[in-house]
Amino acid sequence: MARSQFLVPAVVVLGGLVLSAIYTVDEREKALVLQFGEVKAVKEGPGLAFKLPVVQEVVRYEDRILSLTTPPLEVTPLDDRRLVVDAFARWRIIDVVRFRQAVGAQGERLAQDRLQNLIVNAIREVMGAVPSTDVLSNDRTVLMNRIRDLAKKEAAALGVDVIDVRLTRTDLPDQNLAATFARMRAEREREAADERARGGEAAQRVRAAADRTVVELTSEAKKQAEVIRGEADAARNSIYAEAFGRDPEFFAFTRSLTAYERALQAGNSSIVMRPDSVFFDYLKTPEGHGAPAR
């Protein structure tokens, strides 16, 4: 009976020791086995593992990719134009032993702080060597890769790998925005005025060319009209001359009719003449022949 009273507690204690000697590692974790602060074993794969109970402890670290966001900071590019920049980074623990030695018991929290300082220093160094136009451009891949490589090199001492660094914002400080917008507006207005001036100049050239073409066409048309009119007058005179040569009496008759038509048109004018005037020679004779010339 007394033996059983001691056996049960011994079994419980032994079971507790056995259970405390067993630990599991998730596939998302890496683990270190420490004995009085000294690393005794590294467990990077998932599964069961063993340690000495009581004297050894297990410290777990993330094996996944972690994120880090930097606070907004002012940088001064090569052209002394201040900019406000913030970024985010992706990083991962690749050497848990070195990581433990670098950050101690504070773990990932201290690593975040140190890594943030490394990335901020890398951003300042890289952006201080380029003009602001490169920072504000749409394609900043080269700059981000340079920041990542510089931070990766410095972060190796922490046992971590900087996988990627991305710039999320690159803006002017608030106090400079109004002046910058005013300068941009003035520049656009100047460009618009230049474009309007060039357009007005081009319009003047087009109008001048059109006016010159109108004058040339009008002059050519008048010239052709005068030529045609002269040819018609010559043809008419030729016809009159030929008609006069064939029948002088008929020619005189038609000329008289033309004179009657022009003189007797309706209007406010009056003609006073003697009835025996030569003007009425063809109206007085029944044959239509005028009186003998006097």
Protein backbone atom coordinates (compact mmCIF):
# COMPACT_ATOMS: atom_id res chain seq x y z
CA MET A 1 0.00 0.00 0.00
CA ALA A 2 2.76 2.46 0.88
CA ARG A 3 4.61 1.48 -2.29
CA SER A 4 1.59 2.37 -4.43
CA GLN A 5 1.30 5.72 -2.74
CA PHE A 6 4.82 6.64 -3.90
CA LEU A 7 4.49 4.96 -7.31
CA VAL A 8 1.65 7.08 -8.60
CA PRO A 9 3.35 10.44 -7.95
CA ALA A 10 6.58 9.08 -9.41
CA VAL A 11 4.77 8.03 -12.58
CA VAL A 12 3.11 11.44 -12.82
CA VAL A 13 6.43 13.20 -12.34
CA LEU A 14 8.14 10.95 -14.85
CA GLY A 15 5.37 11.52 -17.35
CA GLY A 16 5.64 15.24 -16.87
CA LEU A 17 9.39 15.08 -17.45
CA VAL A 18 8.89 13.03 -20.61
CA LEU A 19 6.26 15.44 -21.91
CA SER A 20 8.42 18.44 -21.13
CA ALA A 21 11.25 16.84 -23.08
CA ILE A 22 9.10 16.67 -26.23
CA TYR A 23 8.30 19.71 -28.33
CA THR A 24 6.84 20.26 -31.79
CA VAL A 25 7.80 22.70 -34.48
CA ASP A 26 5.20 24.06 -36.89
CA GLU A 27 6.00 24.34 -40.61
CA ARG A 28 5.74 28.10 -40.20
CA GLU A 29 8.40 28.23 -37.51
CA LYS A 30 12.05 27.71 -36.71
CA ALA A 31 13.16 26.79 -33.20
CA LEU A 32 16.25 27.04 -31.04
CA VAL A 33 16.97 24.91 -28.02
CA LEU A 34 18.73 27.00 -25.37
CA GLN A 35 20.50 25.91 -22.25
CA PHE A 36 21.26 28.75 -19.88
CA GLY A 37 21.07 31.16 -22.85
CA GLU A 38 23.46 29.13 -25.02
CA VAL A 39 22.22 27.60 -28.27
CA LYS A 40 22.31 23.79 -28.07
CA ALA A 41 20.19 22.72 -31.03
CA VAL A 42 18.49 24.17 -34.11
CA LYS A 43 15.21 22.81 -35.41
CA GLU A 44 14.25 24.27 -38.81
CA GLY A 45 11.99 21.52 -40.15
CA PRO A 46 8.49 20.71 -38.87
CA GLY A 47 7.87 17.76 -36.57
CA LEU A 48 8.67 16.38 -33.10
CA ALA A 49 11.96 16.96 -31.31
CA PHE A 50 13.46 16.38 -27.88
CA LYS A 51 15.25 18.48 -25.33
CA LEU A 52 16.43 18.13 -21.79
CA PRO A 53 13.59 18.93 -19.44
CA VAL A 54 13.88 21.82 -17.02
CA VAL A 55 17.40 22.92 -18.03
CA GLN A 56 16.65 23.55 -21.69
CA GLU A 57 14.04 25.79 -23.27
CA VAL A 58 12.66 26.19 -26.80
CA VAL A 59 12.51 29.60 -28.51
CA ARG A 60 10.44 29.86 -31.67
CA TYR A 61 10.84 32.30 -34.56
CA GLU A 62 8.76 33.01 -37.65
CA ASP A 63 9.84 31.18 -40.79
CA ARG A 64 7.39 33.14 -42.95
CA ILE A 65 8.04 36.34 -44.90
CA LEU A 66 7.46 39.33 -42.64
CA SER A 67 6.57 42.91 -43.55
CA LEU A 68 7.98 46.20 -42.34
CA THR A 69 6.66 49.72 -43.01
CA THR A 70 8.89 52.75 -42.61
CA PRO A 71 7.53 56.07 -41.27
CA PRO A 72 7.45 59.07 -43.64
CA LEU A 73 10.87 60.66 -43.83
CA GLU A 74 12.30 63.66 -45.65
CA VAL A 75 15.16 63.07 -48.05
CA THR A 76 17.26 65.52 -50.03
CA PRO A 77 18.11 64.34 -53.57
CA LEU A 78 21.09 65.49 -55.58
CA ASP A 79 19.37 68.72 -56.70
CA ASP A 80 18.58 69.79 -53.08
CA ARG A 81 14.84 69.45 -53.59
CA ARG A 82 13.31 67.99 -50.43
CA LEU A 83 10.94 65.04 -50.77
CA VAL A 84 8.80 63.01 -48.36
CA VAL A 85 9.26 59.26 -48.83
CA ASP A 86 7.90 56.17 -47.14
CA ALA A 87 8.39 52.51 -48.03
CA PHE A 88 7.62 48.97 -47.03
CA ALA A 89 9.90 45.94 -47.01
CA ARG A 90 9.59 42.17 -47.03
CA TRP A 91 12.11 40.22 -44.95
CA ARG A 92 12.73 36.76 -43.55
CA ILE A 93 14.88 35.10 -40.87
CA ILE A 94 17.40 32.86 -42.62
CA ASP A 95 19.93 32.18 -39.83
CA VAL A 96 18.21 31.72 -36.45
CA VAL A 97 21.48 31.32 -34.57
CA ARG A 98 22.88 34.60 -35.83
CA PHE A 99 19.49 36.20 -35.38
CA ARG A 100 19.45 35.11 -31.71
CA GLN A 101 22.96 36.41 -31.19
CA ALA A 102 22.09 39.77 -32.78
CA VAL A 103 18.78 40.55 -31.09
CA GLY A 104 18.91 38.38 -27.95
CA ALA A 105 15.72 37.70 -26.06
CA GLN A 106 13.87 40.70 -27.58
CA GLY A 107 13.51 38.79 -30.83
CA GLU A 108 11.54 40.11 -33.75
CA ARG A 109 10.58 43.41 -32.12
CA LEU A 110 14.19 44.54 -31.82
CA ALA A 111 14.93 43.13 -35.28
CA GLN A 112 12.11 45.28 -36.74
CA ASP A 113 13.61 48.40 -35.16
CA ARG A 114 17.13 47.68 -36.39
CA LEU A 115 15.94 46.68 -39.84
CA GLN A 116 13.86 49.84 -40.12
CA ASN A 117 16.94 51.95 -39.36
CA LEU A 118 18.92 50.04 -41.98
CA ILE A 119 16.26 50.62 -44.65
CA VAL A 120 15.88 54.31 -43.77
CA ASN A 121 19.66 54.79 -44.05
CA ALA A 122 19.67 52.94 -47.38
CA ILE A 123 16.85 55.14 -48.71
CA ARG A 124 18.70 58.31 -47.70
CA GLU A 125 21.97 57.12 -49.22
CA VAL A 126 20.49 56.01 -52.55
CA MET A 127 18.17 58.98 -53.03
CA GLY A 128 20.84 61.45 -52.02
CA ALA A 129 22.86 60.37 -55.06
CA VAL A 130 20.16 60.93 -57.73
CA PRO A 131 18.13 63.98 -58.87
CA SER A 132 14.53 64.40 -57.74
CA THR A 133 13.26 63.70 -61.27
CA ASP A 134 14.44 60.10 -60.94
CA VAL A 135 12.68 59.75 -57.59
CA LEU A 136 9.41 61.25 -58.88
CA SER A 137 9.37 59.27 -62.14
CA ASN A 138 6.93 56.43 -62.75
CA ASP A 139 9.70 53.84 -63.10
CA ARG A 140 11.67 53.62 -59.85
CA THR A 141 12.62 49.97 -60.13
CA VAL A 142 16.34 50.66 -60.33
CA LEU A 143 16.24 52.86 -57.21
CA MET A 144 14.23 50.30 -55.23
CA ASN A 145 16.59 47.50 -56.22
CA ARG A 146 19.57 49.56 -55.10
CA ILE A 147 17.91 50.25 -51.74
CA ARG A 148 17.08 46.56 -51.34
CA ASP A 149 20.63 45.43 -52.16
CA LEU A 150 22.16 47.92 -49.75
CA ALA A 151 19.75 46.94 -46.95
CA LYS A 152 20.27 43.24 -47.69
CA LYS A 153 24.00 43.62 -47.28
CA GLU A 154 23.68 45.39 -43.92
CA ALA A 155 20.92 43.06 -42.66
CA ALA A 156 23.05 39.94 -43.17
CA ALA A 157 24.64 40.63 -39.78
CA LEU A 158 21.19 40.18 -38.20
CA GLY A 159 20.69 36.80 -39.80
CA VAL A 160 17.83 38.07 -41.96
CA ASP A 161 17.33 38.49 -45.69
CA VAL A 162 15.69 41.62 -47.15
CA ILE A 163 13.62 40.19 -49.99
CA ASP A 164 12.12 43.37 -51.40
CA VAL A 165 11.81 47.10 -50.75
CA ARG A 166 9.07 49.21 -52.36
CA LEU A 167 8.57 52.95 -52.29
CA THR A 168 4.91 53.65 -51.53
CA ARG A 169 5.00 57.45 -51.65
CA THR A 170 7.35 60.08 -53.01
CA ASP A 171 5.85 63.54 -52.60
CA LEU A 172 6.89 67.08 -51.96
CA PRO A 173 6.50 68.44 -48.43
CA ASP A 174 3.15 70.14 -47.80
CA GLN A 175 4.72 73.57 -47.52
CA ASN A 176 6.25 73.20 -50.99
CA LEU A 177 3.19 71.85 -52.79
CA ALA A 178 1.47 75.22 -53.33
CA ALA A 179 4.60 76.83 -54.77
CA THR A 180 5.27 73.80 -56.95
CA PHE A 181 1.71 73.73 -58.27
CA ALA A 182 1.89 77.47 -59.01
CA ARG A 183 5.15 76.99 -60.88
CA MET A 184 3.72 74.06 -62.82
CA ARG A 185 0.59 76.09 -63.66
CA ALA A 186 2.71 79.02 -64.88
CA GLU A 187 4.81 76.66 -66.98
CA ARG A 188 1.72 75.10 -68.56
CA GLU A 189 0.25 78.55 -69.25
CA ARG A 190 3.48 79.62 -70.92
CA GLU A 191 3.46 76.49 -73.07
CA ALA A 192 -0.18 77.13 -73.95
CA ALA A 193 0.64 80.73 -74.94
CA ASP A 194 3.51 79.49 -77.11
CA GLU A 195 1.21 76.98 -78.78
CA ARG A 196 -1.43 79.66 -79.40
CA ALA A 197 1.22 81.97 -80.85
CA ARG A 198 2.50 79.24 -83.16
CA GLY A 199 -1.09 78.43 -84.13
CA GLY A 200 -1.80 82.11 -84.88
CA GLU A 201 1.36 82.33 -86.97
CA ALA A 202 0.39 79.22 -88.92
CA ALA A 203 -3.14 80.61 -89.40
CA GLN A 204 -1.68 83.87 -90.76
CA ARG A 205 0.46 81.93 -93.22
CA VAL A 206 -2.56 79.92 -94.35
CA ARG A 207 -4.70 83.03 -94.73
CA ALA A 208 -1.94 84.84 -96.63
CA ALA A 209 -1.51 81.87 -98.95
CA ALA A 210 -5.29 81.72 -99.47
CA ASP A 211 -5.48 85.47 -100.18
CA ARG A 212 -2.60 85.20 -102.64
CA THR A 213 -4.30 82.29 -104.35
CA VAL A 214 -7.56 84.28 -104.57
CA VAL A 215 -5.74 87.25 -106.11
CA GLU A 216 -3.92 85.02 -108.58
CA LEU A 217 -7.10 83.18 -109.55
CA THR A 218 -9.07 86.43 -109.84
CA SER A 219 -6.34 88.05 -111.93
CA GLU A 220 -6.14 85.01 -114.18
CA ALA A 221 -9.92 84.97 -114.55
CA LYS A 222 -10.02 88.68 -115.40
CA LYS A 223 -7.22 88.18 -117.87
CA GLN A 224 -9.05 85.33 -119.54
CA ALA A 225 -12.30 87.35 -119.50
CA GLU A 226 -10.56 90.31 -121.14
CA VAL A 227 -9.05 88.03 -123.75
CA ILE A 228 -12.41 86.43 -124.47
CA ARG A 229 -14.14 89.85 -124.51
CA GLY A 230 -11.52 91.18 -126.92
CA GLU A 231 -11.87 88.15 -129.15
CA ALA A 232 -15.68 88.56 -129.06
CA ASP A 233 -15.42 92.27 -129.89
CA ALA A 234 -13.07 91.46 -132.74
CA ALA A 235 -15.47 88.78 -133.99
CA ARG A 236 -18.40 91.21 -133.67
CA ASN A 237 -16.57 93.97 -135.53
CA SER A 238 -15.57 91.47 -138.16
CA ILE A 239 -19.19 90.43 -138.57
CA TYR A 240 -20.32 94.07 -138.70
CA ALA A 241 -17.66 94.88 -141.26
CA GLU A 242 -18.57 91.91 -143.36
CA ALA A 243 -22.27 92.79 -143.11
CA PHE A 244 -21.56 96.42 -144.06
CA GLY A 245 -19.56 95.28 -147.03
CA ARG A 246 -22.34 93.04 -148.29
CA ASP A 247 -25.29 95.47 -147.79
CA PRO A 248 -24.46 98.95 -146.62
CA GLU A 249 -28.14 99.89 -146.63
CA PHE A 250 -29.07 97.04 -144.25
CA PHE A 251 -26.18 97.93 -142.02
CA ALA A 252 -27.36 101.55 -141.82
CA PHE A 253 -30.85 100.29 -141.07
CA THR A 254 -29.78 98.12 -138.14
CA ARG A 255 -27.67 100.91 -136.75
CA SER A 256 -30.67 103.21 -136.89
CA LEU A 257 -32.83 100.66 -135.06
CA THR A 258 -30.19 100.43 -132.35
CA ALA A 259 -30.19 104.22 -132.05
CA TYR A 260 -34.00 104.24 -131.83
CA GLU A 261 -33.88 101.59 -129.07
CA ARG A 262 -31.37 103.48 -127.00
CA ALA A 263 -33.02 106.90 -127.47
CA LEU A 264 -36.65 105.90 -126.93
CA GLN A 265 -36.24 103.90 -123.68
CA ALA A 266 -38.73 104.68 -120.92
CA GLY A 267 -37.46 107.15 -118.40
CA ASN A 268 -37.50 110.75 -117.30
CA SER A 269 -35.61 112.06 -120.36
CA SER A 270 -37.38 113.78 -123.31
CA ILE A 271 -36.20 114.39 -126.88
CA VAL A 272 -37.44 117.44 -128.81
CA MET A 273 -36.63 117.52 -132.55
CA ARG A 274 -38.12 118.53 -135.86
CA PRO A 275 -40.35 116.04 -137.69
CA ASP A 276 -38.18 116.27 -140.77
CA SER A 277 -35.06 115.36 -138.80
CA VAL A 278 -32.67 112.87 -140.30
CA PHE A 279 -33.19 110.76 -137.18
CA PHE A 280 -36.62 109.73 -138.48
CA ASP A 281 -35.61 109.00 -142.06
CA TYR A 282 -36.47 105.26 -141.83
CA LEU A 283 -39.77 106.03 -140.06
CA LYS A 284 -41.05 108.44 -142.73
CA THR A 285 -40.68 106.40 -145.94
CA PRO A 286 -43.00 103.44 -146.57
CA GLU A 287 -40.16 101.43 -148.17
CA GLY A 288 -37.97 101.82 -145.12
CA HIS A 289 -35.34 103.68 -147.11
CA GLY A 290 -34.01 106.94 -145.88
CA ALA A 291 -33.98 110.14 -147.82
CA PRO A 292 -31.06 110.81 -150.06
CA ALA A 293 -28.07 112.05 -148.23
CA ARG A 294 -27.85 115.76 -148.12
